[in-house]
Amino acid sequence: MALNFTNTTIAIQAWRIVGLALLSCIGLANAAQAANPADVARLLETKQCRRCNLSGVSLRGVDLSGADLQDANLTEVDFRNVNLSNANLRGVNFHNAELRRANLTQADLRGSLLVGANLTNADLSYAQLVQASLVNVNLREARGLQANFNGADLRSANLTDANLQGAFFNEANLSNANVRDANLSQAFFRRALVTNVNLGQANLRGAIGLGR
């Protein structure tokens, strides 16, 4: 039986074209997600950058106190040691962001996306995180005195050794979270979901709505 090499060659070439097209689309998608240099310059000059695209940018140690970054794309940024105190960060996408030792005191993070973000040793004292998404967030040894996590999604969050004295977790979802050795004294957990939470050695003195 004779083989039809012409049809086979055409099929191979067609698949090669499809493959190249897919790779091209992936490349364009990655390019679209990269930080906009103009946005970076505007942020550093004015601290005003609503809806900016800063994805993947590294701004370690920069003073962005009081900055307005509402609804900005900050996925996978390196903001270690950045000062974001009193910043407007409502609706910001911090997916997989590096925020170790960042100063977020009194920052407005309502409705922000912090899934997978690293906030080890960060200071979130008096910050507003109402309805924020913090699934798999790392808050190990973080400080969050009277921080407001009401209605936030903290599933599988790591709060080990964090100081969250007086923080608000009313109606928050803490399922599978690890709060071992955390200071949760005088914190509020009214109607919070605490299924499978690891409370080992946590300080719950005066906490309301959460028991062992």
Protein backbone atom coordinates (compact mmCIF):
# COMPACT_ATOMS: atom_id res chain seq x y z
CA MET A 1 0.00 0.00 0.00
CA ALA A 2 1.38 3.42 -0.98
CA LEU A 3 1.75 6.11 1.69
CA ASN A 4 0.56 9.65 1.00
CA PHE A 5 3.64 11.66 2.09
CA THR A 6 2.16 14.88 0.74
CA ASN A 7 -0.80 14.83 3.14
CA THR A 8 1.44 13.81 6.05
CA THR A 9 3.86 16.68 5.36
CA ILE A 10 1.01 19.18 5.15
CA ALA A 11 -0.38 17.94 8.46
CA ILE A 12 3.02 18.27 10.18
CA GLN A 13 3.47 21.78 8.82
CA ALA A 14 -0.02 22.73 9.98
CA TRP A 15 0.73 21.55 13.51
CA ARG A 16 3.99 23.48 13.48
CA ILE A 17 2.09 26.64 12.53
CA VAL A 18 -0.42 26.05 15.33
CA GLY A 19 2.43 25.50 17.81
CA LEU A 20 4.20 28.70 16.77
CA ALA A 21 0.95 30.62 17.03
CA LEU A 22 0.38 29.35 20.57
CA LEU A 23 3.93 30.27 21.60
CA SER A 24 3.42 33.71 20.10
CA CYS A 25 0.22 34.18 22.09
CA ILE A 26 1.95 33.12 25.30
CA GLY A 27 4.75 35.58 24.62
CA LEU A 28 2.29 38.38 23.98
CA ALA A 29 0.42 37.54 27.17
CA ASN A 30 3.62 37.67 29.21
CA ALA A 31 4.58 40.95 27.59
CA ALA A 32 1.17 42.38 28.41
CA GLN A 33 1.62 41.42 32.05
CA ALA A 34 5.07 43.04 32.39
CA ALA A 35 5.40 46.35 34.21
CA ASN A 36 4.84 49.51 32.23
CA PRO A 37 8.04 51.65 32.56
CA ALA A 38 5.96 54.83 32.30
CA ASP A 39 3.81 53.68 35.20
CA VAL A 40 6.90 52.93 37.31
CA ALA A 41 8.32 56.39 36.61
CA ARG A 42 5.00 58.05 37.43
CA LEU A 43 4.72 56.18 40.72
CA LEU A 44 8.22 57.13 41.84
CA GLU A 45 7.73 60.77 40.84
CA THR A 46 4.20 61.42 42.08
CA LYS A 47 3.13 58.44 44.24
CA GLN A 48 -0.10 58.53 42.22
CA CYS A 49 -0.64 55.46 40.07
CA ARG A 50 -4.20 54.17 40.07
CA ARG A 51 -4.76 51.11 37.85
CA CYS A 52 -1.06 51.04 36.95
CA ASN A 53 0.65 47.92 35.66
CA LEU A 54 3.69 47.31 37.89
CA SER A 55 3.74 43.53 37.57
CA GLY A 56 7.11 41.98 38.47
CA VAL A 57 8.85 45.28 39.25
CA SER A 58 11.48 45.46 42.04
CA LEU A 59 11.35 48.53 44.27
CA ARG A 60 13.02 47.31 47.43
CA GLY A 61 13.19 49.81 50.27
CA VAL A 62 11.39 52.62 48.40
CA ASP A 63 9.30 55.14 50.36
CA LEU A 64 5.75 54.95 49.01
CA SER A 65 4.03 56.17 52.15
CA GLY A 66 0.67 57.73 51.35
CA ALA A 67 0.81 56.50 47.73
CA ASP A 68 -2.41 55.98 45.75
CA LEU A 69 -2.23 52.63 43.96
CA GLN A 70 -5.91 51.73 43.93
CA ASP A 71 -6.76 48.85 41.56
CA ALA A 72 -3.13 48.57 40.38
CA ASN A 73 -1.55 45.34 39.14
CA LEU A 74 1.30 44.46 41.52
CA THR A 75 1.51 40.73 40.85
CA GLU A 76 4.89 39.20 41.75
CA VAL A 77 6.45 42.57 42.68
CA ASP A 78 9.48 42.69 44.96
CA PHE A 79 8.48 45.26 47.60
CA ARG A 80 10.74 44.08 50.41
CA ASN A 81 11.23 46.78 53.06
CA VAL A 82 8.98 49.19 51.12
CA ASN A 83 7.16 51.85 53.14
CA LEU A 84 3.47 51.70 52.19
CA SER A 85 2.12 53.21 55.38
CA ASN A 86 -1.16 55.12 54.91
CA ALA A 87 -1.20 54.05 51.24
CA ASN A 88 -4.42 53.56 49.27
CA LEU A 89 -4.15 49.94 48.14
CA ARG A 90 -7.84 49.18 47.67
CA GLY A 91 -8.42 46.46 45.10
CA VAL A 92 -4.70 46.04 44.38
CA ASN A 93 -3.58 42.69 42.97
CA PHE A 94 -0.62 41.52 45.08
CA HIS A 95 -0.74 37.91 43.85
CA ASN A 96 2.53 36.13 44.82
CA ALA A 97 4.07 39.48 45.80
CA GLU A 98 7.23 39.68 47.92
CA LEU A 99 6.42 42.00 50.84
CA ARG A 100 8.80 40.87 53.55
CA ARG A 101 9.36 43.54 56.22
CA ALA A 102 7.10 45.97 54.34
CA ASN A 103 5.52 48.79 56.35
CA LEU A 104 1.77 48.66 55.74
CA THR A 105 0.64 50.42 58.89
CA GLN A 106 -2.73 52.13 58.45
CA ALA A 107 -2.79 51.12 54.77
CA ASP A 108 -6.16 50.67 53.07
CA LEU A 109 -6.16 47.16 51.58
CA ARG A 110 -9.91 46.64 51.39
CA GLY A 111 -10.81 44.16 48.67
CA SER A 112 -7.18 43.60 47.74
CA LEU A 113 -5.83 40.29 46.40
CA LEU A 114 -2.89 38.94 48.41
CA VAL A 115 -3.10 35.28 47.44
CA GLY A 116 0.28 33.60 47.96
CA ALA A 117 1.95 36.85 49.02
CA ASN A 118 4.90 36.76 51.42
CA LEU A 119 4.38 39.20 54.29
CA THR A 120 6.88 37.70 56.72
CA ASN A 121 7.85 40.29 59.37
CA ALA A 122 5.63 42.91 57.68
CA ASP A 123 3.81 45.50 59.80
CA LEU A 124 0.06 45.65 59.15
CA SER A 125 -0.91 47.43 62.35
CA TYR A 126 -4.20 49.34 62.04
CA ALA A 127 -4.43 48.37 58.34
CA GLN A 128 -7.82 47.82 56.71
CA LEU A 129 -8.09 44.39 55.02
CA VAL A 130 -11.87 44.05 54.94
CA GLN A 131 -12.97 41.53 52.29
CA ALA A 132 -9.36 41.01 51.19
CA SER A 133 -8.29 37.65 49.74
CA LEU A 134 -5.31 36.25 51.66
CA VAL A 135 -5.46 32.58 50.69
CA ASN A 136 -2.09 30.89 51.34
CA VAL A 137 -0.61 34.20 52.47
CA ASN A 138 2.53 34.05 54.63
CA LEU A 139 2.19 36.31 57.67
CA ARG A 140 4.78 34.54 59.79
CA GLU A 141 6.11 36.85 62.53
CA ALA A 142 4.10 39.72 61.06
CA ARG A 143 2.72 42.52 63.23
CA GLY A 144 -0.93 43.51 62.89
CA LEU A 145 -2.12 45.30 65.99
CA GLN A 146 -5.84 46.02 65.65
CA ALA A 147 -5.68 45.24 61.91
CA ASN A 148 -9.14 44.78 60.38
CA PHE A 149 -9.55 41.41 58.62
CA ASN A 150 -13.36 41.40 58.81
CA GLY A 151 -14.82 39.24 56.04
CA ALA A 152 -11.36 38.40 54.69
CA ASP A 153 -10.48 35.03 53.14
CA LEU A 154 -7.53 33.61 55.10
CA ARG A 155 -7.82 29.97 54.14
CA SER A 156 -4.54 28.08 54.66
CA ALA A 157 -2.83 31.31 55.78
CA ASN A 158 0.35 31.06 57.84
CA LEU A 159 0.06 33.28 60.92
CA THR A 160 2.73 31.50 62.95
CA ASP A 161 4.32 33.74 65.61
CA ALA A 162 2.38 36.76 64.31
CA ASN A 163 1.40 39.52 66.73
CA LEU A 164 -2.26 40.23 65.95
CA GLN A 165 -3.36 41.57 69.29
CA GLY A 166 -6.74 43.23 69.12
CA ALA A 167 -7.18 42.39 65.42
CA PHE A 168 -10.65 41.93 63.89
CA PHE A 169 -11.53 38.65 62.16
CA ASN A 170 -15.32 38.88 62.29
CA GLU A 171 -16.93 36.75 59.56
CA ALA A 172 -13.46 35.92 58.18
CA ASN A 173 -12.66 32.49 56.74
CA LEU A 174 -9.66 31.00 58.60
CA SER A 175 -10.17 27.40 57.51
CA ASN A 176 -6.93 25.37 57.67
CA ALA A 177 -4.97 28.42 58.81
CA ASN A 178 -1.89 27.99 61.02
CA VAL A 179 -1.89 30.39 63.98
CA ARG A 180 0.53 28.43 66.13
CA ASP A 181 2.31 30.61 68.71
CA ALA A 182 0.49 33.71 67.42
CA ASN A 183 -0.63 36.49 69.75
CA LEU A 184 -4.39 36.75 69.25
CA SER A 185 -5.18 38.26 72.63
CA GLN A 186 -8.22 40.54 72.64
CA ALA A 187 -8.90 39.72 68.96
CA PHE A 188 -12.45 39.40 67.61
CA PHE A 189 -13.72 36.29 65.79
CA ARG A 190 -17.48 36.71 65.73
CA ARG A 191 -19.06 34.35 63.16
CA ALA A 192 -15.61 33.51 61.81
CA LEU A 193 -15.08 30.17 60.06
CA VAL A 194 -12.29 28.35 61.92
CA THR A 195 -12.46 24.80 60.59
CA ASN A 196 -9.21 22.85 61.12
CA VAL A 197 -7.33 25.90 62.43
CA ASN A 198 -4.04 25.05 64.16
CA LEU A 199 -4.20 26.94 67.48
CA GLY A 200 -1.16 25.30 69.07
CA GLN A 201 0.27 27.55 71.81
CA ALA A 202 -1.57 30.61 70.45
CA ASN A 203 -2.32 33.38 72.97
CA LEU A 204 -6.12 33.68 73.02
CA ARG A 205 -6.46 35.62 76.24
CA GLY A 206 -9.48 37.88 75.98
CA ALA A 207 -10.24 36.80 72.41
CA ILE A 208 -13.93 36.91 71.53
CA GLY A 209 -15.68 34.23 69.47
CA LEU A 210 -12.74 31.79 69.21
CA GLY A 211 -12.10 28.85 71.49
CA ARG A 212 -9.79 25.90 71.55
